[in-house]
Amino acid sequence: MNPFLFELQCIVDSRGSLSVFQPSKDFSFSIQRVFFLYGVPPLQSRAGHALKSCDQILIASSGSFTVTTENLVVKNEFLLDLPNQALFIPANTWREIRSFSPGAVCTVLATEVYNEKGYYRTKEEFLRAQKKRET
């Protein structure tokens, strides 16, 4: 499975906008952890890893940032700049997040709790593991 963008339900009225993600309704996604990336200095990047078995959804709750994803088949770049848009990133996908606008907040929904052993920390290690999975 490759990463993909999807729209969150958006309710707009005279009081403003409300975006909703309902895992049981939108698609099967068991949220075990939620975290936020914010205050990222200009020219700094985040992530630079792949997760072995954890899927994630990224949302630009405020501001904007760019996410580059890569697996053995395809490399994509996504601009997240709307709070009613989300990016699904499946396990075994390399990701880098950069070009954070001032005040940007990246909300991350994850299917697993944090586990240091669940990460590929270098691209070389990730690519070796993916090639081994294909054989």
N, C-alpha and C. Protein backbone atom coordinates (compact mmCIF):
# COMPACT_ATOMS: atom_id res chain seq x y z
N MET A 1 0.84 -1.18 0.00
CA MET A 1 0.00 0.00 0.00
C MET A 1 0.89 1.25 0.00
N ASN A 2 0.51 2.23 -0.77
CA ASN A 2 1.25 3.49 -0.83
C ASN A 2 0.56 4.57 -0.01
N PRO A 3 1.30 5.60 0.42
CA PRO A 3 0.69 6.72 1.13
C PRO A 3 -0.37 7.39 0.26
N PHE A 4 -1.37 7.97 0.91
CA PHE A 4 -2.38 8.72 0.16
C PHE A 4 -3.00 9.81 1.01
N LEU A 5 -3.41 10.88 0.33
CA LEU A 5 -4.13 11.98 0.97
C LEU A 5 -5.61 11.66 0.98
N PHE A 6 -6.30 12.12 2.03
CA PHE A 6 -7.76 12.00 2.06
C PHE A 6 -8.33 13.20 2.80
N GLU A 7 -9.58 13.49 2.49
CA GLU A 7 -10.27 14.63 3.09
C GLU A 7 -10.96 14.19 4.38
N LEU A 8 -10.87 15.03 5.39
CA LEU A 8 -11.62 14.82 6.62
C LEU A 8 -12.98 15.48 6.45
N GLN A 9 -13.96 14.96 7.16
CA GLN A 9 -15.26 15.60 7.15
C GLN A 9 -15.08 17.02 7.68
N CYS A 10 -15.68 17.99 7.03
CA CYS A 10 -15.55 19.39 7.43
C CYS A 10 -16.95 19.99 7.58
N ILE A 11 -17.20 20.54 8.75
CA ILE A 11 -18.48 21.18 9.04
C ILE A 11 -18.21 22.67 9.20
N VAL A 12 -18.85 23.48 8.38
CA VAL A 12 -18.62 24.92 8.38
C VAL A 12 -19.94 25.64 8.65
N ASP A 13 -19.91 26.58 9.57
CA ASP A 13 -21.06 27.46 9.78
C ASP A 13 -20.55 28.82 10.21
N SER A 14 -21.41 29.70 10.63
CA SER A 14 -21.02 31.07 10.96
C SER A 14 -20.04 31.16 12.12
N ARG A 15 -19.89 30.08 12.89
CA ARG A 15 -18.97 30.08 14.03
C ARG A 15 -17.58 29.63 13.65
N GLY A 16 -17.42 29.13 12.42
CA GLY A 16 -16.11 28.64 11.98
C GLY A 16 -16.21 27.24 11.41
N SER A 17 -15.06 26.55 11.41
CA SER A 17 -14.98 25.22 10.80
C SER A 17 -14.57 24.18 11.83
N LEU A 18 -15.04 22.96 11.60
CA LEU A 18 -14.72 21.82 12.44
C LEU A 18 -14.38 20.66 11.53
N SER A 19 -13.18 20.09 11.70
CA SER A 19 -12.78 18.91 10.92
C SER A 19 -12.83 17.69 11.81
N VAL A 20 -13.30 16.57 11.24
CA VAL A 20 -13.54 15.35 12.02
C VAL A 20 -12.88 14.15 11.36
N PHE A 21 -12.19 13.33 12.18
CA PHE A 21 -11.71 12.02 11.74
C PHE A 21 -12.31 10.99 12.68
N GLN A 22 -13.10 10.07 12.13
CA GLN A 22 -13.73 9.01 12.91
C GLN A 22 -13.23 7.67 12.37
N PRO A 23 -12.24 7.07 13.04
CA PRO A 23 -11.62 5.85 12.52
C PRO A 23 -12.61 4.76 12.12
N SER A 24 -13.62 4.52 12.92
CA SER A 24 -14.55 3.44 12.60
C SER A 24 -15.40 3.76 11.38
N LYS A 25 -15.57 5.04 11.08
CA LYS A 25 -16.40 5.45 9.94
C LYS A 25 -15.56 5.71 8.69
N ASP A 26 -14.43 6.38 8.85
CA ASP A 26 -13.61 6.78 7.70
C ASP A 26 -12.85 5.60 7.09
N PHE A 27 -12.13 4.86 7.89
CA PHE A 27 -11.53 3.58 7.52
C PHE A 27 -10.91 3.00 8.78
N SER A 28 -10.62 1.72 8.73
CA SER A 28 -10.13 1.04 9.93
C SER A 28 -8.76 1.57 10.33
N PHE A 29 -8.69 2.16 11.49
CA PHE A 29 -7.44 2.73 11.99
C PHE A 29 -7.53 2.78 13.51
N SER A 30 -6.75 1.99 14.18
CA SER A 30 -6.78 1.91 15.63
C SER A 30 -5.76 2.88 16.22
N ILE A 31 -6.21 3.96 16.81
CA ILE A 31 -5.30 4.97 17.35
C ILE A 31 -4.79 4.54 18.72
N GLN A 32 -3.46 4.36 18.82
CA GLN A 32 -2.82 3.98 20.08
C GLN A 32 -1.96 5.11 20.64
N ARG A 33 -1.64 6.09 19.78
CA ARG A 33 -0.78 7.19 20.23
C ARG A 33 -1.08 8.42 19.38
N VAL A 34 -1.07 9.58 20.00
CA VAL A 34 -1.21 10.87 19.32
C VAL A 34 -0.07 11.76 19.79
N PHE A 35 0.62 12.41 18.84
CA PHE A 35 1.65 13.37 19.23
C PHE A 35 1.67 14.53 18.24
N PHE A 36 2.36 15.60 18.62
CA PHE A 36 2.37 16.84 17.86
C PHE A 36 3.80 17.30 17.61
N LEU A 37 4.08 17.72 16.40
CA LEU A 37 5.36 18.35 16.07
C LEU A 37 5.08 19.84 15.90
N TYR A 38 5.80 20.68 16.62
CA TYR A 38 5.59 22.12 16.52
C TYR A 38 6.85 22.85 16.97
N GLY A 39 6.93 24.12 16.65
CA GLY A 39 8.12 24.89 17.01
C GLY A 39 9.35 24.43 16.25
N VAL A 40 9.16 23.83 15.08
CA VAL A 40 10.29 23.34 14.29
C VAL A 40 11.01 24.54 13.66
N PRO A 41 12.30 24.72 13.92
CA PRO A 41 13.03 25.87 13.39
C PRO A 41 13.09 25.85 11.86
N PRO A 42 13.22 27.03 11.26
CA PRO A 42 13.36 27.09 9.79
C PRO A 42 14.53 26.22 9.33
N LEU A 43 14.36 25.60 8.21
CA LEU A 43 15.36 24.74 7.56
C LEU A 43 15.60 23.42 8.29
N GLN A 44 14.87 23.18 9.38
CA GLN A 44 15.01 21.91 10.11
C GLN A 44 14.02 20.89 9.55
N SER A 45 14.37 19.62 9.60
CA SER A 45 13.45 18.57 9.16
C SER A 45 13.20 17.62 10.32
N ARG A 46 12.11 16.86 10.20
CA ARG A 46 11.75 15.88 11.21
C ARG A 46 11.57 14.53 10.53
N ALA A 47 11.37 13.52 11.32
CA ALA A 47 11.20 12.13 10.86
C ALA A 47 12.55 11.63 10.35
N GLY A 48 12.69 11.34 9.06
CA GLY A 48 13.93 10.73 8.58
C GLY A 48 14.05 9.30 9.08
N HIS A 49 12.93 8.56 8.99
CA HIS A 49 12.88 7.17 9.43
C HIS A 49 11.72 6.46 8.76
N ALA A 50 11.62 5.16 8.99
CA ALA A 50 10.48 4.35 8.59
C ALA A 50 10.07 3.52 9.79
N LEU A 51 8.81 3.21 9.87
CA LEU A 51 8.29 2.38 10.95
C LEU A 51 8.04 0.96 10.43
N LYS A 52 8.43 -0.01 11.21
CA LYS A 52 8.35 -1.40 10.76
C LYS A 52 6.93 -1.94 10.69
N SER A 53 6.07 -1.57 11.63
CA SER A 53 4.72 -2.12 11.63
C SER A 53 3.64 -1.12 12.00
N CYS A 54 3.99 0.11 12.21
CA CYS A 54 3.05 1.15 12.64
C CYS A 54 2.61 2.01 11.46
N ASP A 55 1.29 2.14 11.28
CA ASP A 55 0.74 3.08 10.31
C ASP A 55 0.54 4.43 11.00
N GLN A 56 0.59 5.52 10.23
CA GLN A 56 0.37 6.85 10.80
C GLN A 56 -0.50 7.69 9.88
N ILE A 57 -1.18 8.65 10.48
CA ILE A 57 -1.91 9.68 9.76
C ILE A 57 -1.35 11.01 10.23
N LEU A 58 -0.97 11.88 9.27
CA LEU A 58 -0.45 13.21 9.57
C LEU A 58 -1.46 14.25 9.13
N ILE A 59 -1.65 15.26 9.98
CA ILE A 59 -2.58 16.35 9.70
C ILE A 59 -1.88 17.67 10.01
N ALA A 60 -1.99 18.64 9.11
CA ALA A 60 -1.47 19.98 9.37
C ALA A 60 -2.55 20.72 10.16
N SER A 61 -2.49 20.64 11.49
CA SER A 61 -3.49 21.29 12.33
C SER A 61 -3.40 22.80 12.22
N SER A 62 -2.19 23.28 11.93
CA SER A 62 -1.95 24.72 11.74
C SER A 62 -0.76 24.87 10.81
N GLY A 63 -0.79 25.88 9.95
CA GLY A 63 0.33 26.13 9.06
C GLY A 63 0.47 25.06 7.99
N SER A 64 1.72 24.87 7.54
CA SER A 64 1.97 23.92 6.46
C SER A 64 3.34 23.28 6.60
N PHE A 65 3.51 22.15 5.92
CA PHE A 65 4.79 21.45 5.84
C PHE A 65 4.72 20.49 4.68
N THR A 66 5.87 19.99 4.27
CA THR A 66 5.96 19.06 3.15
C THR A 66 6.43 17.70 3.68
N VAL A 67 5.78 16.65 3.19
CA VAL A 67 6.14 15.28 3.58
C VAL A 67 6.60 14.54 2.33
N THR A 68 7.80 13.97 2.39
CA THR A 68 8.29 13.12 1.32
C THR A 68 8.23 11.69 1.81
N THR A 69 7.62 10.81 1.01
CA THR A 69 7.53 9.40 1.36
C THR A 69 8.21 8.58 0.28
N GLU A 70 8.74 7.42 0.68
CA GLU A 70 9.45 6.58 -0.28
C GLU A 70 9.39 5.13 0.16
N ASN A 71 9.15 4.25 -0.82
CA ASN A 71 9.32 2.82 -0.62
C ASN A 71 10.10 2.31 -1.82
N LEU A 72 10.19 1.03 -2.01
CA LEU A 72 10.99 0.51 -3.13
C LEU A 72 10.37 0.81 -4.49
N VAL A 73 9.08 1.14 -4.50
CA VAL A 73 8.36 1.33 -5.76
C VAL A 73 8.20 2.80 -6.14
N VAL A 74 7.84 3.63 -5.20
CA VAL A 74 7.46 5.00 -5.53
C VAL A 74 7.95 6.01 -4.48
N LYS A 75 8.25 7.20 -4.96
CA LYS A 75 8.61 8.32 -4.09
C LYS A 75 7.59 9.43 -4.36
N ASN A 76 7.00 9.98 -3.29
CA ASN A 76 5.99 11.02 -3.41
C ASN A 76 6.32 12.20 -2.51
N GLU A 77 5.77 13.35 -2.89
CA GLU A 77 5.89 14.55 -2.06
C GLU A 77 4.49 15.12 -1.87
N PHE A 78 4.15 15.41 -0.63
CA PHE A 78 2.82 15.91 -0.29
C PHE A 78 2.97 17.23 0.46
N LEU A 79 2.19 18.23 0.08
CA LEU A 79 2.10 19.48 0.82
C LEU A 79 0.86 19.38 1.69
N LEU A 80 1.05 19.44 2.99
CA LEU A 80 -0.08 19.47 3.90
C LEU A 80 -0.24 20.90 4.39
N ASP A 81 -1.36 21.52 4.04
CA ASP A 81 -1.58 22.92 4.40
C ASP A 81 -3.03 23.22 4.74
N LEU A 82 -3.84 22.18 4.88
CA LEU A 82 -5.26 22.35 5.24
C LEU A 82 -5.60 21.42 6.40
N PRO A 83 -6.28 21.92 7.44
CA PRO A 83 -6.60 21.06 8.58
C PRO A 83 -7.70 20.05 8.31
N ASN A 84 -8.31 20.09 7.12
CA ASN A 84 -9.32 19.08 6.78
C ASN A 84 -8.77 18.07 5.77
N GLN A 85 -7.45 17.99 5.69
CA GLN A 85 -6.78 17.06 4.79
C GLN A 85 -5.80 16.24 5.63
N ALA A 86 -5.72 14.93 5.35
CA ALA A 86 -4.84 14.06 6.12
C ALA A 86 -4.04 13.18 5.18
N LEU A 87 -2.85 12.78 5.65
CA LEU A 87 -1.98 11.90 4.87
C LEU A 87 -1.83 10.59 5.62
N PHE A 88 -2.24 9.49 4.98
CA PHE A 88 -2.04 8.16 5.53
C PHE A 88 -0.69 7.65 5.07
N ILE A 89 0.15 7.22 6.02
CA ILE A 89 1.46 6.65 5.70
C ILE A 89 1.51 5.23 6.29
N PRO A 90 1.51 4.22 5.43
CA PRO A 90 1.56 2.85 5.94
C PRO A 90 2.94 2.50 6.48
N ALA A 91 2.99 1.44 7.27
CA ALA A 91 4.28 0.93 7.77
C ALA A 91 5.19 0.63 6.59
N ASN A 92 6.47 0.57 6.87
CA ASN A 92 7.49 0.29 5.85
C ASN A 92 7.52 1.34 4.75
N THR A 93 7.36 2.59 5.15
CA THR A 93 7.46 3.72 4.24
C THR A 93 8.42 4.73 4.87
N TRP A 94 9.47 5.06 4.14
CA TRP A 94 10.40 6.08 4.61
C TRP A 94 9.70 7.43 4.52
N ARG A 95 9.90 8.29 5.53
CA ARG A 95 9.27 9.60 5.50
C ARG A 95 10.20 10.66 6.06
N GLU A 96 10.10 11.85 5.44
CA GLU A 96 10.81 13.04 5.91
C GLU A 96 9.83 14.20 5.87
N ILE A 97 9.85 15.02 6.91
CA ILE A 97 8.95 16.17 7.00
C ILE A 97 9.82 17.42 7.08
N ARG A 98 9.54 18.38 6.20
CA ARG A 98 10.37 19.59 6.13
C ARG A 98 9.54 20.80 5.70
N SER A 99 10.20 21.92 5.57
CA SER A 99 9.58 23.17 5.12
C SER A 99 8.39 23.56 5.99
N PHE A 100 8.59 23.48 7.30
CA PHE A 100 7.54 23.90 8.22
C PHE A 100 7.36 25.41 8.15
N SER A 101 6.13 25.87 8.01
CA SER A 101 5.85 27.30 8.05
C SER A 101 5.90 27.75 9.51
N PRO A 102 6.09 29.06 9.76
CA PRO A 102 6.07 29.53 11.15
C PRO A 102 4.72 29.19 11.80
N GLY A 103 4.77 28.64 12.99
CA GLY A 103 3.55 28.28 13.71
C GLY A 103 2.91 26.98 13.28
N ALA A 104 3.57 26.22 12.41
CA ALA A 104 2.99 24.96 11.93
C ALA A 104 2.89 23.95 13.06
N VAL A 105 1.80 23.17 13.04
CA VAL A 105 1.61 22.07 13.97
C VAL A 105 1.24 20.83 13.15
N CYS A 106 2.04 19.78 13.30
CA CYS A 106 1.77 18.50 12.65
C CYS A 106 1.22 17.56 13.72
N THR A 107 -0.03 17.15 13.54
CA THR A 107 -0.66 16.18 14.44
C THR A 107 -0.48 14.80 13.84
N VAL A 108 0.00 13.85 14.65
CA VAL A 108 0.27 12.50 14.18
C VAL A 108 -0.57 11.51 14.98
N LEU A 109 -1.34 10.69 14.26
CA LEU A 109 -2.11 9.61 14.85
C LEU A 109 -1.40 8.32 14.47
N ALA A 110 -1.11 7.47 15.45
CA ALA A 110 -0.33 6.27 15.20
C ALA A 110 -1.07 5.02 15.70
N THR A 111 -0.87 3.92 14.99
CA THR A 111 -1.55 2.66 15.35
C THR A 111 -0.82 1.88 16.44
N GLU A 112 0.35 2.35 16.87
CA GLU A 112 1.11 1.66 17.92
C GLU A 112 1.69 2.68 18.89
N VAL A 113 1.92 2.24 20.13
CA VAL A 113 2.63 3.07 21.08
C VAL A 113 4.10 3.12 20.67
N TYR A 114 4.84 4.08 21.22
CA TYR A 114 6.25 4.24 20.86
C TYR A 114 7.05 2.99 21.24
N ASN A 115 7.87 2.55 20.30
CA ASN A 115 8.76 1.41 20.53
C ASN A 115 10.02 1.66 19.70
N GLU A 116 11.11 1.98 20.34
CA GLU A 116 12.36 2.30 19.64
C GLU A 116 12.77 1.20 18.67
N LYS A 117 12.50 -0.04 19.01
CA LYS A 117 12.89 -1.16 18.14
C LYS A 117 12.02 -1.26 16.89
N GLY A 118 10.95 -0.47 16.82
CA GLY A 118 10.04 -0.50 15.69
C GLY A 118 10.42 0.44 14.56
N TYR A 119 11.63 1.01 14.61
CA TYR A 119 12.06 2.01 13.63
C TYR A 119 13.24 1.53 12.78
N TYR A 120 13.25 1.96 11.53
CA TYR A 120 14.47 1.92 10.71
C TYR A 120 15.00 3.35 10.78
N ARG A 121 16.17 3.54 11.36
CA ARG A 121 16.70 4.89 11.58
C ARG A 121 17.58 5.39 10.45
N THR A 122 18.07 4.49 9.60
CA THR A 122 18.85 4.94 8.44
C THR A 122 18.18 4.43 7.17
N LYS A 123 18.33 5.19 6.11
CA LYS A 123 17.73 4.78 4.84
C LYS A 123 18.36 3.48 4.33
N GLU A 124 19.65 3.31 4.56
CA GLU A 124 20.32 2.09 4.13
C GLU A 124 19.72 0.86 4.81
N GLU A 125 19.52 0.94 6.12
CA GLU A 125 18.91 -0.16 6.87
C GLU A 125 17.49 -0.43 6.35
N PHE A 126 16.74 0.62 6.09
CA PHE A 126 15.38 0.49 5.57
C PHE A 126 15.37 -0.20 4.21
N LEU A 127 16.23 0.26 3.29
CA LEU A 127 16.26 -0.32 1.94
C LEU A 127 16.69 -1.78 1.96
N ARG A 128 17.69 -2.12 2.80
CA ARG A 128 18.11 -3.52 2.93
C ARG A 128 16.95 -4.40 3.41
N ALA A 129 16.23 -3.92 4.41
CA ALA A 129 15.11 -4.68 4.96
C ALA A 129 13.99 -4.86 3.92
N GLN A 130 13.74 -3.82 3.14
CA GLN A 130 12.68 -3.91 2.13
C GLN A 130 13.06 -4.88 1.02
N LYS A 131 14.31 -4.83 0.61
CA LYS A 131 14.77 -5.77 -0.43
C LYS A 131 14.71 -7.20 0.07
N LYS A 132 15.04 -7.40 1.34
CA LYS A 132 14.98 -8.73 1.94
C LYS A 132 13.53 -9.22 2.01
N ARG A 133 12.58 -8.32 2.29
CA ARG A 133 11.16 -8.69 2.35
C ARG A 133 10.64 -9.13 0.99
N GLU A 134 11.20 -8.56 -0.07
CA GLU A 134 10.74 -8.89 -1.43
C GLU A 134 11.19 -10.28 -1.88
N THR A 135 12.27 -10.79 -1.28
CA THR A 135 12.78 -12.09 -1.71
C THR A 135 12.14 -13.25 -0.97
